[in-house]
Amino acid sequence: MVPKFMMANGALVRVLIHTGVTKYLSFKAVDGSYVFNKSKIHKVPSTDMEALKSPLMGLFEKRRAGKFFLYVQDYKENDPSTHKGYDLTKMTTKELISKYGLDDNTIDFIGHAVALHKDDNYLTEPAIDTVKRMKLYAESVARFQGGSPYIYPLYGLGELPQGFARLSAVYGGTYMLNKPECTVKFDDEGKVCGVTSEGETAKCKKVVCDPSYVPDKVRKVGKVFRAIAIMSHPIPNTAESHSVQIIIPQKQLGRKSDMYVFCCSYSHNVASKGKFIAFVSAQAESENPETELKPGIDLLGPVDELFIDTYDRYEPANDPSSDNCFISTVSHGRSTKCVLKHEQKMYFERKNISIFFQSYDATTHFESTVMDVLSLYTKITGKVHYSSIQPLTAVGILHQPFEFNHICTRAIII
C-alpha cells in the first residue's frame, strides 16, 4: 500500500521500456500536480497560459520566473554557449536563483513541486541537479501536454510485478508468491547460499532484499508516517481531479522535510465506482503520527475510513561484495519473492538471483526509489547504470512514447 506516480519521461519509465515489460502494461495520465502554498492548494502550472493565470506568483515575479525557466529550458550541459557563463557544477542552486531575484515562495514551489527535492538542502548543493530535475519535469509535461507530468498504471502498481513475472516466465524465471517466513541462508564463509521457507530452500548465489529479511545487516535511520483514506469524492480545490499529487513544502508547515498527498480513484481502476483512495505521507519528525499528518489529512475533506501506520526505515550496514547480499535503502514492508533460475535478457543478466520487492519512502513519485534500484543493479551486475538507459525519444518508440485512447495510455514498442 505505497503508491507512487511515475514521471512520464522519468527514470522508471525508461527502465520499463528498456526491459520490454511495457508490452504488459497500460497507463493513464494523472490529472493534476498541486502544491500547498500560503495555506491554499495551487495547481503547478503546466502550460504558458496556466503560468500567466497562476496565483502562485505576482505579475513582476512571473516575468522574473519566466526568464529563469527560459534559461533552464535552453540549458544544454554539453553546450557552453547556453550556460551564460555559469558553472552549475560549482555554483549552488541558491546562487543561481539569486541571479534572477526570485522570492522565497517561488523558490519553494520550484524546488519542491517542480524539481521534486524532499527538503531545502538542495539550495546549498550544485545547481546542475536542480536544473536537470526541472528539465525532466518540463519534458514529462510535454509528453501529453496535459495537466501533470505523471502517469499511473491502470489497476495500480501491482501491474508492475505482474508484468515482470510474465516477462520473467518467457526466459524461464519462476515467481514464488506468498511464501511465509523467508530466511536468507549463508554458508560457512558468510556468503549467501539460499532462501528457506516452509522447510524448502531455493539455492542462489546472490540475494536482493529489503531490510526486514536481514535485520542483523541493517541499521535504522528513521520512520515514515502514512495515512490511508477512503473517500467518496475528489480532494477539494483540485478541479474535481480523479488523480492528483499535492506536495506540501517543509517551510509551509515548519517541518524539516516535505509532506506528500497522493490520490487515485476508480478512473484508474484502483477503487470501486465512485470511490477515491488518498495517502498522506511524511518523514517522521515526532512520535505522534496523527498530529504530524493532520495538515495533509485536513486537505482531504470528509473521509469514509482512515488508517494510520508507521514504517521504519533502514539502510544497509553490510558489504555486499563480501556476502553477496544486496539490501535496499527503503522502508520495511510486505514483500513478494522471485527466484530467477536462468539468464535474463536485458534486465538481470545473472543466474540464480533471489529478489524481494519492498515498500518505499515518503515521496509520492518514483524518482528517488528508482535510483536505489539502479544502484543495486549496478552493484550486482557491474554493467548497467543510469546513463546507459536512453531517453524515450531514442529507444524505438512509435511517434509518441505513449499513445492515447479513450480509456488509457499504452506504451507502443517497435
Protein backbone atom coordinates (compact mmCIF):
# COMPACT_ATOMS: atom_id res chain seq x y z
CA MET A 1 0.00 0.00 0.00
CA VAL A 2 2.66 2.50 -1.04
CA PRO A 3 1.50 4.01 -4.35
CA LYS A 4 3.73 6.33 -6.36
CA PHE A 5 3.23 8.17 -9.62
CA MET A 6 5.73 7.91 -12.47
CA MET A 7 7.30 10.83 -14.29
CA ALA A 8 6.29 10.41 -17.94
CA ASN A 9 9.89 10.89 -19.08
CA GLY A 10 11.48 9.74 -15.83
CA ALA A 11 13.93 7.03 -14.91
CA LEU A 12 11.36 4.35 -14.09
CA VAL A 13 9.52 4.69 -17.40
CA ARG A 14 12.87 4.46 -19.20
CA VAL A 15 13.72 1.33 -17.23
CA LEU A 16 10.35 -0.26 -18.04
CA ILE A 17 10.83 0.41 -21.74
CA HIS A 18 14.45 -0.76 -21.57
CA THR A 19 13.34 -4.11 -20.14
CA GLY A 20 10.44 -4.56 -22.57
CA VAL A 21 7.93 -5.06 -19.75
CA THR A 22 5.73 -2.23 -21.08
CA LYS A 23 4.11 -4.67 -23.51
CA TYR A 24 2.19 -5.99 -20.49
CA LEU A 25 1.20 -2.61 -19.00
CA SER A 26 -1.43 0.06 -19.65
CA PHE A 27 -1.10 3.60 -18.30
CA LYS A 28 -3.31 6.60 -17.83
CA ALA A 29 -2.17 10.19 -17.30
CA VAL A 30 -2.58 11.76 -13.86
CA ASP A 31 -4.98 14.70 -13.84
CA GLY A 32 -3.02 17.26 -11.85
CA SER A 33 0.05 18.22 -9.84
CA TYR A 34 -0.53 20.65 -6.97
CA VAL A 35 1.48 22.47 -4.33
CA PHE A 36 0.41 23.80 -0.93
CA ASN A 37 1.37 27.47 -0.63
CA LYS A 38 0.16 30.21 1.72
CA SER A 39 -2.44 27.87 3.28
CA LYS A 40 -4.04 27.04 -0.09
CA ILE A 41 -3.76 24.36 -2.76
CA HIS A 42 -2.48 25.66 -6.10
CA LYS A 43 -2.02 23.83 -9.38
CA VAL A 44 1.58 23.67 -10.52
CA PRO A 45 1.45 25.41 -13.93
CA SER A 46 1.91 23.01 -16.84
CA THR A 47 1.31 25.44 -19.72
CA ASP A 48 2.16 29.07 -20.52
CA MET A 49 -1.47 30.10 -20.02
CA GLU A 50 -1.66 28.38 -16.64
CA ALA A 51 1.53 30.15 -15.58
CA LEU A 52 0.06 33.54 -16.50
CA LYS A 53 -3.12 32.85 -14.53
CA SER A 54 -1.47 31.16 -11.55
CA PRO A 55 -1.84 32.97 -8.19
CA LEU A 56 1.45 31.43 -7.06
CA MET A 57 3.30 34.50 -8.36
CA GLY A 58 2.60 38.17 -8.85
CA LEU A 59 2.90 39.90 -12.23
CA PHE A 60 6.51 41.07 -11.87
CA GLU A 61 7.53 37.80 -10.22
CA LYS A 62 6.14 35.92 -13.22
CA ARG A 63 8.43 37.90 -15.52
CA ARG A 64 11.47 37.09 -13.38
CA ALA A 65 10.46 33.42 -13.12
CA GLY A 66 9.87 33.34 -16.88
CA LYS A 67 13.47 34.37 -17.51
CA PHE A 68 14.69 31.68 -15.13
CA PHE A 69 12.54 28.99 -16.78
CA LEU A 70 13.80 30.11 -20.19
CA TYR A 71 17.39 29.70 -19.01
CA VAL A 72 16.62 26.19 -17.73
CA GLN A 73 14.79 25.30 -20.94
CA ASP A 74 17.70 26.40 -23.15
CA TYR A 75 20.43 24.94 -20.93
CA LYS A 76 22.41 22.10 -22.51
CA GLU A 77 25.11 20.54 -20.38
CA ASN A 78 27.45 19.95 -23.33
CA ASP A 79 26.91 23.36 -24.94
CA PRO A 80 28.77 26.14 -23.05
CA SER A 81 27.01 28.79 -25.14
CA THR A 82 23.81 28.03 -23.20
CA HIS A 83 25.45 28.39 -19.78
CA LYS A 84 25.64 32.21 -19.73
CA GLY A 85 28.99 31.95 -18.01
CA TYR A 86 27.64 29.96 -15.04
CA ASP A 87 29.39 26.75 -13.98
CA LEU A 88 26.46 24.87 -12.46
CA THR A 89 28.71 22.11 -11.16
CA LYS A 90 30.24 24.66 -8.78
CA MET A 91 27.52 27.30 -8.39
CA THR A 92 24.90 26.41 -5.76
CA THR A 93 21.19 26.46 -6.52
CA LYS A 94 20.77 29.41 -4.18
CA GLU A 95 23.44 31.37 -6.04
CA LEU A 96 21.85 30.61 -9.43
CA ILE A 97 18.36 31.60 -8.29
CA SER A 98 19.70 34.83 -6.77
CA LYS A 99 20.78 35.88 -10.27
CA TYR A 100 17.09 36.08 -11.19
CA GLY A 101 15.82 37.69 -7.98
CA LEU A 102 13.08 35.15 -7.26
CA ASP A 103 11.24 35.43 -3.94
CA ASP A 104 11.03 32.70 -1.30
CA ASN A 105 7.56 31.45 -2.28
CA THR A 106 8.61 31.00 -5.91
CA ILE A 107 11.78 29.21 -4.84
CA ASP A 108 9.66 27.00 -2.59
CA PHE A 109 7.31 25.71 -5.28
CA ILE A 110 10.04 25.42 -7.93
CA GLY A 111 12.37 23.46 -5.65
CA HIS A 112 9.77 21.13 -4.17
CA ALA A 113 6.90 20.83 -6.68
CA VAL A 114 8.91 21.06 -9.92
CA ALA A 115 12.42 19.85 -9.06
CA LEU A 116 10.91 17.43 -6.50
CA HIS A 117 13.51 17.94 -3.80
CA LYS A 118 12.48 16.43 -0.44
CA ASP A 119 13.96 19.23 1.70
CA ASP A 120 15.85 22.52 1.39
CA ASN A 121 19.33 21.01 1.37
CA TYR A 122 19.38 21.38 -2.41
CA LEU A 123 19.87 25.15 -2.04
CA THR A 124 23.46 24.66 -0.92
CA GLU A 125 24.22 21.91 -3.46
CA PRO A 126 25.42 22.30 -7.08
CA ALA A 127 22.69 23.83 -9.25
CA ILE A 128 23.17 21.32 -12.07
CA ASP A 129 20.99 18.74 -10.29
CA THR A 130 18.08 21.16 -9.84
CA VAL A 131 18.28 22.30 -13.47
CA LYS A 132 18.21 18.68 -14.68
CA ARG A 133 15.23 17.94 -12.45
CA MET A 134 13.34 20.96 -13.79
CA LYS A 135 14.07 19.93 -17.37
CA LEU A 136 12.78 16.42 -16.60
CA TYR A 137 9.56 17.89 -15.21
CA ALA A 138 9.05 20.03 -18.33
CA GLU A 139 9.82 17.11 -20.66
CA SER A 140 7.36 14.90 -18.79
CA VAL A 141 4.60 17.51 -19.00
CA ALA A 142 5.26 17.90 -22.73
CA ARG A 143 4.76 14.17 -23.31
CA PHE A 144 1.00 14.55 -23.02
CA GLN A 145 0.50 18.32 -22.90
CA GLY A 146 -1.92 17.53 -20.10
CA GLY A 147 -2.43 18.56 -16.52
CA SER A 148 0.61 16.92 -14.94
CA PRO A 149 3.92 15.21 -15.72
CA TYR A 150 2.79 11.95 -14.13
CA ILE A 151 1.32 8.66 -15.32
CA TYR A 152 0.00 5.69 -13.35
CA PRO A 153 -0.77 2.09 -14.37
CA LEU A 154 -4.37 1.06 -14.81
CA TYR A 155 -5.25 -1.32 -11.94
CA GLY A 156 -2.40 0.07 -9.82
CA LEU A 157 1.25 -0.68 -9.17
CA GLY A 158 0.51 -4.38 -8.72
CA GLU A 159 0.69 -4.48 -12.51
CA LEU A 160 4.46 -3.85 -12.36
CA PRO A 161 5.47 -7.10 -10.60
CA GLN A 162 2.84 -8.93 -12.66
CA GLY A 163 4.40 -7.58 -15.85
CA PHE A 164 7.88 -8.61 -14.73
CA ALA A 165 6.56 -12.05 -13.71
CA ARG A 166 5.20 -12.58 -17.22
CA LEU A 167 8.41 -11.36 -18.84
CA SER A 168 10.48 -13.48 -16.45
CA ALA A 169 8.46 -16.58 -17.35
CA VAL A 170 9.34 -16.07 -21.02
CA TYR A 171 13.01 -16.55 -20.08
CA GLY A 172 12.48 -19.42 -17.63
CA GLY A 173 12.12 -17.47 -14.39
CA THR A 174 9.89 -18.66 -11.54
CA TYR A 175 7.87 -16.48 -9.17
CA MET A 176 7.08 -17.85 -5.71
CA LEU A 177 4.33 -15.74 -4.15
CA ASN A 178 3.03 -15.54 -0.58
CA LYS A 179 5.88 -17.59 0.90
CA PRO A 180 5.83 -17.22 4.71
CA GLU A 181 8.83 -16.67 6.99
CA CYS A 182 11.53 -16.49 4.34
CA THR A 183 15.03 -16.79 5.81
CA VAL A 184 18.22 -15.87 3.97
CA LYS A 185 20.86 -18.58 4.40
CA PHE A 186 24.63 -18.03 4.48
CA ASP A 187 27.44 -20.58 4.09
CA ASP A 188 30.49 -21.03 6.32
CA GLU A 189 32.29 -18.21 4.51
CA GLY A 190 29.44 -15.79 5.21
CA LYS A 191 28.21 -15.72 1.62
CA VAL A 192 24.58 -16.10 0.56
CA CYS A 193 23.70 -19.66 -0.41
CA GLY A 194 19.88 -19.72 -0.49
CA VAL A 195 16.48 -18.69 0.84
CA THR A 196 14.42 -21.05 3.03
CA SER A 197 10.64 -21.09 3.51
CA GLU A 198 8.41 -23.87 4.87
CA GLY A 199 11.35 -26.25 5.04
CA GLU A 200 12.30 -25.77 1.39
CA THR A 201 15.43 -23.93 0.26
CA ALA A 202 15.84 -22.16 -3.06
CA LYS A 203 19.59 -22.12 -3.70
CA CYS A 204 21.14 -18.99 -5.14
CA LYS A 205 24.39 -17.07 -5.39
CA LYS A 206 23.01 -13.58 -4.73
CA VAL A 207 20.06 -12.16 -2.82
CA VAL A 208 18.40 -8.77 -3.25
CA CYS A 209 16.09 -7.97 -0.36
CA ASP A 210 14.56 -5.31 1.82
CA PRO A 211 15.87 -4.83 5.38
CA SER A 212 13.21 -6.99 7.07
CA TYR A 213 14.84 -10.21 5.81
CA VAL A 214 18.30 -9.49 7.25
CA PRO A 215 17.78 -7.38 10.42
CA ASP A 216 21.35 -8.06 11.57
CA LYS A 217 22.78 -6.43 8.43
CA VAL A 218 20.97 -3.07 8.57
CA ARG A 219 20.67 -0.04 10.82
CA LYS A 220 17.59 2.06 11.47
CA VAL A 221 17.74 5.60 10.06
CA GLY A 222 14.22 6.91 10.66
CA LYS A 223 10.49 6.37 10.24
CA VAL A 224 7.75 7.24 7.76
CA PHE A 225 4.21 8.12 8.86
CA ARG A 226 1.47 7.26 6.38
CA ALA A 227 -2.31 7.77 6.45
CA ILE A 228 -4.65 5.92 4.08
CA ALA A 229 -8.08 7.45 3.47
CA ILE A 230 -11.06 6.01 1.60
CA MET A 231 -13.34 8.75 0.28
CA SER A 232 -16.44 9.23 -1.86
CA HIS A 233 -15.27 12.46 -3.51
CA PRO A 234 -12.16 14.02 -5.08
CA ILE A 235 -9.88 16.17 -2.94
CA PRO A 236 -11.41 19.67 -2.62
CA ASN A 237 -9.85 22.54 -4.58
CA THR A 238 -8.29 20.25 -7.20
CA ALA A 239 -10.77 20.94 -10.02
CA GLU A 240 -12.59 17.64 -9.37
CA SER A 241 -9.46 15.74 -10.38
CA HIS A 242 -9.68 11.97 -10.07
CA SER A 243 -5.91 11.57 -9.67
CA VAL A 244 -3.60 14.16 -8.13
CA GLN A 245 -0.38 14.72 -6.26
CA ILE A 246 -0.10 17.51 -3.70
CA ILE A 247 3.31 18.46 -2.32
CA ILE A 248 3.45 20.43 0.92
CA PRO A 249 6.93 22.04 1.13
CA GLN A 250 8.62 21.92 4.51
CA LYS A 251 8.53 25.70 5.06
CA GLN A 252 4.75 25.79 4.73
CA LEU A 253 4.42 23.63 7.85
CA GLY A 254 7.62 24.50 9.68
CA ARG A 255 8.97 20.99 9.09
CA LYS A 256 12.40 19.62 8.20
CA SER A 257 11.11 17.72 5.14
CA ASP A 258 8.12 17.76 2.79
CA MET A 259 4.73 16.13 3.22
CA TYR A 260 3.03 14.36 0.30
CA VAL A 261 -0.58 13.70 -0.66
CA PHE A 262 -1.48 11.09 -3.28
CA CYS A 263 -4.99 10.48 -4.61
CA CYS A 264 -6.25 7.99 -7.16
CA SER A 265 -9.68 6.57 -7.91
CA TYR A 266 -11.93 4.32 -9.94
CA SER A 267 -10.80 6.15 -13.09
CA HIS A 268 -7.52 4.20 -12.81
CA ASN A 269 -9.43 1.04 -11.81
CA VAL A 270 -7.93 1.00 -8.31
CA ALA A 271 -11.18 1.53 -6.39
CA SER A 272 -14.88 0.75 -6.61
CA LYS A 273 -17.08 3.01 -8.72
CA GLY A 274 -17.38 6.42 -7.09
CA LYS A 275 -14.59 5.79 -4.56
CA PHE A 276 -11.27 7.60 -4.10
CA ILE A 277 -8.17 6.47 -2.21
CA ALA A 278 -5.81 9.08 -0.75
CA PHE A 279 -2.47 8.70 1.01
CA VAL A 280 -0.75 11.28 3.20
CA SER A 281 2.89 10.53 3.98
CA ALA A 282 5.82 12.25 5.66
CA GLN A 283 9.19 11.52 7.16
CA ALA A 284 8.56 11.16 10.91
CA GLU A 285 9.78 14.12 12.96
CA SER A 286 7.92 13.26 16.18
CA GLU A 287 6.32 10.28 17.91
CA ASN A 288 2.74 11.32 17.08
CA PRO A 289 1.67 10.37 13.53
CA GLU A 290 -1.90 11.67 13.91
CA THR A 291 -0.73 15.17 14.82
CA GLU A 292 2.09 15.24 12.31
CA LEU A 293 -0.09 14.13 9.37
CA LYS A 294 -3.05 16.35 10.29
CA PRO A 295 -2.19 19.22 7.87
CA GLY A 296 -2.29 16.79 4.95
CA ILE A 297 -5.37 14.91 6.18
CA ASP A 298 -7.24 18.21 6.58
CA LEU A 299 -6.86 18.82 2.83
CA LEU A 300 -8.83 15.67 2.01
CA GLY A 301 -12.24 16.80 3.21
CA PRO A 302 -14.68 14.23 4.67
CA VAL A 303 -13.34 10.66 4.68
CA ASP A 304 -15.23 7.36 4.91
CA GLU A 305 -12.38 5.45 6.57
CA LEU A 306 -8.94 6.49 7.80
CA PHE A 307 -5.97 4.26 8.65
CA ILE A 308 -2.64 5.49 10.04
CA ASP A 309 0.55 3.45 10.23
CA THR A 310 4.27 3.87 10.90
CA TYR A 311 7.07 2.33 8.82
CA ASP A 312 10.66 2.04 9.99
CA ARG A 313 13.39 3.00 7.51
CA TYR A 314 16.74 1.25 7.33
CA GLU A 315 19.97 1.38 5.39
CA PRO A 316 22.45 -1.44 4.70
CA ALA A 317 25.31 -1.98 7.17
CA ASN A 318 26.92 -4.88 5.30
CA ASP A 319 29.44 -5.20 2.47
CA PRO A 320 27.58 -6.80 -0.47
CA SER A 321 30.84 -7.56 -2.27
CA SER A 322 31.78 -9.97 0.53
CA ASP A 323 28.43 -11.65 1.35
CA ASN A 324 26.50 -11.20 -1.96
CA CYS A 325 23.53 -9.81 -0.03
CA PHE A 326 22.20 -6.64 -1.67
CA ILE A 327 19.86 -4.64 0.57
CA SER A 328 17.66 -1.76 -0.50
CA THR A 329 17.74 1.52 1.41
CA VAL A 330 13.99 1.96 1.63
CA SER A 331 11.45 1.20 4.33
CA HIS A 332 10.39 -2.10 5.83
CA GLY A 333 7.20 -3.50 4.29
CA ARG A 334 5.43 -6.58 2.95
CA SER A 335 7.17 -8.36 0.11
CA THR A 336 6.86 -10.89 -2.66
CA LYS A 337 9.71 -13.15 -3.67
CA CYS A 338 11.07 -14.01 -7.08
CA VAL A 339 13.68 -16.62 -7.97
CA LEU A 340 15.37 -16.25 -11.36
CA LYS A 341 16.79 -19.61 -12.42
CA HIS A 342 18.01 -18.75 -15.91
CA GLU A 343 19.81 -15.99 -17.76
CA GLN A 344 17.51 -12.96 -18.03
CA LYS A 345 17.59 -10.86 -21.17
CA MET A 346 18.35 -7.12 -20.76
CA TYR A 347 17.40 -6.64 -17.13
CA PHE A 348 19.25 -9.09 -14.92
CA GLU A 349 21.96 -10.93 -16.88
CA ARG A 350 22.80 -13.04 -13.85
CA LYS A 351 21.90 -16.63 -12.87
CA ASN A 352 20.32 -17.79 -9.63
CA ILE A 353 19.39 -14.49 -8.02
CA SER A 354 16.65 -14.29 -5.39
CA ILE A 355 14.83 -10.95 -5.35
CA PHE A 356 12.49 -9.31 -2.83
CA PHE A 357 10.32 -6.28 -3.59
CA GLN A 358 9.66 -3.81 -0.78
CA SER A 359 7.83 -0.68 0.35
CA TYR A 360 9.19 2.83 -0.10
CA ASP A 361 9.93 6.26 1.38
CA ALA A 362 7.52 9.16 1.97
CA THR A 363 7.57 10.57 -1.57
CA THR A 364 4.63 10.00 -3.93
CA HIS A 365 6.77 9.66 -7.05
CA PHE A 366 9.36 7.07 -8.11
CA GLU A 367 12.31 9.34 -8.88
CA SER A 368 14.15 8.64 -5.61
CA THR A 369 13.21 4.96 -5.40
CA VAL A 370 14.25 4.01 -8.92
CA MET A 371 17.74 5.40 -8.33
CA ASP A 372 18.09 2.95 -5.44
CA VAL A 373 17.03 0.12 -7.78
CA LEU A 374 19.51 1.20 -10.46
CA SER A 375 22.27 1.47 -7.87
CA LEU A 376 21.58 -2.09 -6.71
CA TYR A 377 21.53 -3.28 -10.32
CA THR A 378 24.96 -1.79 -10.96
CA LYS A 379 26.38 -3.33 -7.78
CA ILE A 380 25.02 -6.74 -8.76
CA THR A 381 25.96 -6.81 -12.44
CA GLY A 382 28.71 -4.22 -12.69
CA LYS A 383 27.26 -3.33 -16.09
CA VAL A 384 24.16 -1.18 -16.03
CA HIS A 385 23.92 2.40 -14.85
CA TYR A 386 21.51 5.24 -15.46
CA SER A 387 23.43 6.84 -18.32
CA SER A 388 23.06 3.66 -20.37
CA ILE A 389 19.27 3.92 -20.35
CA GLN A 390 18.44 6.13 -23.29
CA PRO A 391 15.82 8.91 -23.34
CA LEU A 392 12.40 7.85 -24.56
CA THR A 393 12.86 9.54 -27.91
CA ALA A 394 15.77 7.24 -28.69
CA VAL A 395 14.54 3.79 -27.70
CA GLY A 396 12.32 2.80 -30.59
CA ILE A 397 9.05 4.46 -29.60
CA LEU A 398 6.48 4.87 -32.34
CA HIS A 399 5.56 8.58 -32.73
CA GLN A 400 4.95 9.22 -29.03
CA PRO A 401 6.17 7.18 -26.05
CA PHE A 402 2.54 6.59 -25.13
CA GLU A 403 -0.48 6.59 -27.36
CA PHE A 404 -3.77 7.96 -26.04
CA ASN A 405 -7.03 6.14 -26.47
CA HIS A 406 -10.37 6.71 -24.78
CA ILE A 407 -9.53 4.84 -21.59
CA CYS A 408 -5.79 4.65 -21.18
CA THR A 409 -2.31 5.49 -22.31
CA ARG A 410 -0.45 2.46 -23.65
CA ALA A 411 3.23 2.06 -24.42
CA ILE A 412 3.90 1.31 -28.07
CA ILE A 413 7.15 -0.55 -28.67
CA ILE A 414 8.59 -1.30 -32.10
